[in-house]
Amino acid sequence: MSEPVTAFISERDGSDFAVRIVTGRHSLTGDEPAASGGADIGPNPYQLLVAALGECTAMTVRWFARQKNWPLDHVSVTVTHRKGEVEGRPGSTDIFDKIVLIEGEQLSEEQRARLLDVAAKCPVHRTLESQPVIATVAGTVQPPE
């Protein structure tokens, strides 16, 4: 089992939907865009979700290249989320498109292919493809110290 990761989220001033997000030593603001009633003073939940997927993808590709001592110069990722129809699935489906740019003049085509394969197996990618269990309960929330 892995160590739990916790985030504390609490409403804050600045917008009807603005929240303070604290996880570990890091703090940021989340909000909705003006078109949705917010003030756009921070990323919205789906922006954070696609950012998490892209961050994990880039980190996983870099980690794998380091483990293999492969000459990866740079990796960048663009992730887009949308709702759409998918053949064989009823209703609207969440669709994530990931574009991975792998740079390294010394990389072979086989290494590039393997790194792209690894990009599709990062932990957040696997979490989104699984059927996670989410328990929602009432209780006391403890702000971070």
C-alpha atoms as a PDB file:
ATOM      1  CA  MET A   1       0.000   0.000   0.000  1.00  0.00           C
ATOM      2  CA  SER A   2       1.140   3.515  -0.727  1.00  0.00           C
ATOM      3  CA  GLU A   3       1.199   6.387   1.726  1.00  0.00           C
ATOM      4  CA  PRO A   4      -2.022   8.421   1.773  1.00  0.00           C
ATOM      5  CA  VAL A   5      -2.046  11.801   0.067  1.00  0.00           C
ATOM      6  CA  THR A   6      -4.291  14.430   1.620  1.00  0.00           C
ATOM      7  CA  ALA A   7      -5.552  17.782   0.420  1.00  0.00           C
ATOM      8  CA  PHE A   8      -7.432  20.336   2.532  1.00  0.00           C
ATOM      9  CA  ILE A   9      -9.902  22.487   0.615  1.00  0.00           C
ATOM     10  CA  SER A  10     -11.827  25.399   2.129  1.00  0.00           C
ATOM     11  CA  GLU A  11     -13.851  28.249   0.686  1.00  0.00           C
ATOM     12  CA  ARG A  12     -12.067  31.580   0.550  1.00  0.00           C
ATOM     13  CA  ASP A  13     -12.837  35.172  -0.349  1.00  0.00           C
ATOM     14  CA  GLY A  14     -12.484  36.528  -3.855  1.00  0.00           C
ATOM     15  CA  SER A  15     -15.222  34.642  -5.670  1.00  0.00           C
ATOM     16  CA  ASP A  16     -18.401  32.709  -4.984  1.00  0.00           C
ATOM     17  CA  PHE A  17     -16.532  29.496  -5.853  1.00  0.00           C
ATOM     18  CA  ALA A  18     -12.963  30.276  -4.804  1.00  0.00           C
ATOM     19  CA  VAL A  19     -11.263  27.686  -2.615  1.00  0.00           C
ATOM     20  CA  ARG A  20      -7.930  27.428  -0.867  1.00  0.00           C
ATOM     21  CA  ILE A  21      -6.202  24.131  -1.606  1.00  0.00           C
ATOM     22  CA  VAL A  22      -3.434  22.934   0.698  1.00  0.00           C
ATOM     23  CA  THR A  23      -1.579  19.690   0.117  1.00  0.00           C
ATOM     24  CA  GLY A  24       1.716  18.978   1.778  1.00  0.00           C
ATOM     25  CA  ARG A  25       3.738  22.209   1.868  1.00  0.00           C
ATOM     26  CA  HIS A  26       1.914  23.630  -1.156  1.00  0.00           C
ATOM     27  CA  SER A  27      -1.001  26.031  -1.334  1.00  0.00           C
ATOM     28  CA  LEU A  28      -2.969  27.298  -4.303  1.00  0.00           C
ATOM     29  CA  THR A  29      -6.323  28.784  -5.199  1.00  0.00           C
ATOM     30  CA  GLY A  30      -9.022  27.079  -7.215  1.00  0.00           C
ATOM     31  CA  ASP A  31     -12.006  28.809  -8.799  1.00  0.00           C
ATOM     32  CA  GLU A  32     -14.496  28.652 -11.629  1.00  0.00           C
ATOM     33  CA  PRO A  33     -14.280  30.862 -14.715  1.00  0.00           C
ATOM     34  CA  ALA A  34     -16.429  33.998 -14.878  1.00  0.00           C
ATOM     35  CA  ALA A  35     -18.781  32.286 -17.349  1.00  0.00           C
ATOM     36  CA  SER A  36     -19.608  29.756 -14.601  1.00  0.00           C
ATOM     37  CA  GLY A  37     -20.080  32.322 -11.826  1.00  0.00           C
ATOM     38  CA  GLY A  38     -16.536  32.477 -10.483  1.00  0.00           C
ATOM     39  CA  ALA A  39     -13.858  35.143 -10.784  1.00  0.00           C
ATOM     40  CA  ASP A  40     -11.276  32.932 -12.529  1.00  0.00           C
ATOM     41  CA  ILE A  41      -8.680  33.558  -9.804  1.00  0.00           C
ATOM     42  CA  GLY A  42      -7.368  30.005 -10.015  1.00  0.00           C
ATOM     43  CA  PRO A  43      -7.684  26.822 -12.053  1.00  0.00           C
ATOM     44  CA  ASN A  44     -11.013  25.025 -12.101  1.00  0.00           C
ATOM     45  CA  PRO A  45     -11.299  21.366 -10.999  1.00  0.00           C
ATOM     46  CA  TYR A  46     -10.943  19.926 -14.504  1.00  0.00           C
ATOM     47  CA  GLN A  47      -7.894  22.096 -15.173  1.00  0.00           C
ATOM     48  CA  LEU A  48      -6.311  20.650 -12.035  1.00  0.00           C
ATOM     49  CA  LEU A  49      -7.292  17.130 -13.111  1.00  0.00           C
ATOM     50  CA  VAL A  50      -5.710  17.421 -16.579  1.00  0.00           C
ATOM     51  CA  ALA A  51      -2.676  19.099 -14.992  1.00  0.00           C
ATOM     52  CA  ALA A  52      -2.288  16.143 -12.606  1.00  0.00           C
ATOM     53  CA  LEU A  53      -2.479  13.687 -15.504  1.00  0.00           C
ATOM     54  CA  GLY A  54       0.061  15.642 -17.556  1.00  0.00           C
ATOM     55  CA  GLU A  55       2.408  16.149 -14.606  1.00  0.00           C
ATOM     56  CA  CYS A  56       2.360  12.461 -13.743  1.00  0.00           C
ATOM     57  CA  THR A  57       2.940  11.503 -17.383  1.00  0.00           C
ATOM     58  CA  ALA A  58       5.985  13.758 -17.774  1.00  0.00           C
ATOM     59  CA  MET A  59       7.451  12.639 -14.446  1.00  0.00           C
ATOM     60  CA  THR A  60       6.939   8.951 -15.274  1.00  0.00           C
ATOM     61  CA  VAL A  61       8.592   9.281 -18.681  1.00  0.00           C
ATOM     62  CA  ARG A  62      11.548  11.123 -17.114  1.00  0.00           C
ATOM     63  CA  TRP A  63      11.840   8.536 -14.309  1.00  0.00           C
ATOM     64  CA  PHE A  64      11.836   5.628 -16.768  1.00  0.00           C
ATOM     65  CA  ALA A  65      14.434   7.273 -19.032  1.00  0.00           C
ATOM     66  CA  ARG A  66      16.686   7.868 -16.011  1.00  0.00           C
ATOM     67  CA  GLN A  67      16.288   4.258 -14.856  1.00  0.00           C
ATOM     68  CA  LYS A  68      17.408   3.096 -18.308  1.00  0.00           C
ATOM     69  CA  ASN A  69      20.048   5.822 -18.653  1.00  0.00           C
ATOM     70  CA  TRP A  70      18.461   6.846 -21.965  1.00  0.00           C
ATOM     71  CA  PRO A  71      19.365  10.206 -23.549  1.00  0.00           C
ATOM     72  CA  LEU A  72      16.007  11.950 -23.059  1.00  0.00           C
ATOM     73  CA  ASP A  73      16.554  15.699 -23.401  1.00  0.00           C
ATOM     74  CA  HIS A  74      13.053  16.947 -22.646  1.00  0.00           C
ATOM     75  CA  VAL A  75       9.481  15.741 -22.286  1.00  0.00           C
ATOM     76  CA  SER A  76       6.343  17.853 -22.462  1.00  0.00           C
ATOM     77  CA  VAL A  77       2.698  16.868 -22.322  1.00  0.00           C
ATOM     78  CA  THR A  78      -0.565  18.503 -23.354  1.00  0.00           C
ATOM     79  CA  VAL A  79      -3.757  17.024 -21.912  1.00  0.00           C
ATOM     80  CA  THR A  80      -7.261  17.942 -23.019  1.00  0.00           C
ATOM     81  CA  HIS A  81     -10.485  16.792 -21.364  1.00  0.00           C
ATOM     82  CA  ARG A  82     -13.854  16.783 -23.068  1.00  0.00           C
ATOM     83  CA  LYS A  83     -17.163  14.977 -22.945  1.00  0.00           C
ATOM     84  CA  GLY A  84     -18.188  13.056 -26.026  1.00  0.00           C
ATOM     85  CA  GLU A  85     -19.740   9.992 -27.537  1.00  0.00           C
ATOM     86  CA  VAL A  86     -17.679   6.805 -27.676  1.00  0.00           C
ATOM     87  CA  GLU A  87     -18.814   3.843 -29.725  1.00  0.00           C
ATOM     88  CA  GLY A  88     -19.987   1.001 -27.512  1.00  0.00           C
ATOM     89  CA  ARG A  89     -20.618   3.237 -24.496  1.00  0.00           C
ATOM     90  CA  PRO A  90     -23.985   4.719 -23.605  1.00  0.00           C
ATOM     91  CA  GLY A  91     -24.325   8.456 -23.056  1.00  0.00           C
ATOM     92  CA  SER A  92     -21.573  10.991 -22.739  1.00  0.00           C
ATOM     93  CA  THR A  93     -18.086   9.782 -21.808  1.00  0.00           C
ATOM     94  CA  ASP A  94     -15.119  11.619 -20.314  1.00  0.00           C
ATOM     95  CA  ILE A  95     -12.366  11.662 -22.942  1.00  0.00           C
ATOM     96  CA  PHE A  96      -8.773  12.636 -22.183  1.00  0.00           C
ATOM     97  CA  ASP A  97      -6.421  13.299 -25.093  1.00  0.00           C
ATOM     98  CA  LYS A  98      -2.719  13.218 -24.192  1.00  0.00           C
ATOM     99  CA  ILE A  99      -0.059  14.510 -26.561  1.00  0.00           C
ATOM    100  CA  VAL A 100       3.457  13.584 -25.436  1.00  0.00           C
ATOM    101  CA  LEU A 101       6.506  15.259 -26.971  1.00  0.00           C
ATOM    102  CA  ILE A 102       9.677  13.250 -26.397  1.00  0.00           C
ATOM    103  CA  GLU A 103      12.865  15.083 -27.329  1.00  0.00           C
ATOM    104  CA  GLY A 104      16.286  13.510 -27.585  1.00  0.00           C
ATOM    105  CA  GLU A 105      18.382  13.342 -30.732  1.00  0.00           C
ATOM    106  CA  GLN A 106      20.213  10.261 -29.452  1.00  0.00           C
ATOM    107  CA  LEU A 107      17.036   8.262 -28.703  1.00  0.00           C
ATOM    108  CA  SER A 108      16.351   5.301 -30.972  1.00  0.00           C
ATOM    109  CA  GLU A 109      12.891   4.729 -32.452  1.00  0.00           C
ATOM    110  CA  GLU A 110      12.507   1.730 -30.136  1.00  0.00           C
ATOM    111  CA  GLN A 111      13.325   3.895 -27.097  1.00  0.00           C
ATOM    112  CA  ARG A 112      10.843   6.563 -28.220  1.00  0.00           C
ATOM    113  CA  ALA A 113       8.138   3.928 -28.670  1.00  0.00           C
ATOM    114  CA  ARG A 114       8.838   2.485 -25.217  1.00  0.00           C
ATOM    115  CA  LEU A 115       8.734   5.939 -23.599  1.00  0.00           C
ATOM    116  CA  LEU A 116       5.381   6.615 -25.263  1.00  0.00           C
ATOM    117  CA  ASP A 117       4.136   3.265 -23.961  1.00  0.00           C
ATOM    118  CA  VAL A 118       5.331   4.220 -20.458  1.00  0.00           C
ATOM    119  CA  ALA A 119       3.492   7.567 -20.801  1.00  0.00           C
ATOM    120  CA  ALA A 120       0.223   5.629 -20.998  1.00  0.00           C
ATOM    121  CA  LYS A 121       0.993   3.838 -17.737  1.00  0.00           C
ATOM    122  CA  CYS A 122       1.660   6.629 -15.257  1.00  0.00           C
ATOM    123  CA  PRO A 123      -0.064   6.205 -11.873  1.00  0.00           C
ATOM    124  CA  VAL A 124      -2.665   8.951 -12.411  1.00  0.00           C
ATOM    125  CA  HIS A 125      -3.509   7.531 -15.858  1.00  0.00           C
ATOM    126  CA  ARG A 126      -4.020   4.106 -14.268  1.00  0.00           C
ATOM    127  CA  THR A 127      -6.148   5.611 -11.495  1.00  0.00           C
ATOM    128  CA  LEU A 128      -8.427   7.342 -13.998  1.00  0.00           C
ATOM    129  CA  GLU A 129      -8.825   4.100 -15.964  1.00  0.00           C
ATOM    130  CA  SER A 130      -9.601   2.046 -12.862  1.00  0.00           C
ATOM    131  CA  GLN A 131     -12.779   2.050 -10.840  1.00  0.00           C
ATOM    132  CA  PRO A 132     -11.705   3.953  -7.730  1.00  0.00           C
ATOM    133  CA  VAL A 133     -13.740   3.864  -4.540  1.00  0.00           C
ATOM    134  CA  ILE A 134     -14.686   7.304  -3.228  1.00  0.00           C
ATOM    135  CA  ALA A 135     -16.236   7.460   0.233  1.00  0.00           C
ATOM    136  CA  THR A 136     -18.030  10.699   1.155  1.00  0.00           C
ATOM    137  CA  VAL A 137     -18.831  11.169   4.856  1.00  0.00           C
ATOM    138  CA  ALA A 138     -19.772  14.027   7.160  1.00  0.00           C
ATOM    139  CA  GLY A 139     -17.217  14.920   9.768  1.00  0.00           C
ATOM    140  CA  THR A 140     -14.783  17.390  11.207  1.00  0.00           C
ATOM    141  CA  VAL A 141     -12.219  18.805   8.822  1.00  0.00           C
ATOM    142  CA  GLN A 142      -8.829  19.655  10.261  1.00  0.00           C
ATOM    143  CA  PRO A 143      -7.017  22.545   8.572  1.00  0.00           C
ATOM    144  CA  PRO A 144      -3.314  22.013   7.984  1.00  0.00           C
ATOM    145  CA  GLU A 145      -0.901  23.437  10.522  1.00  0.00           C
END
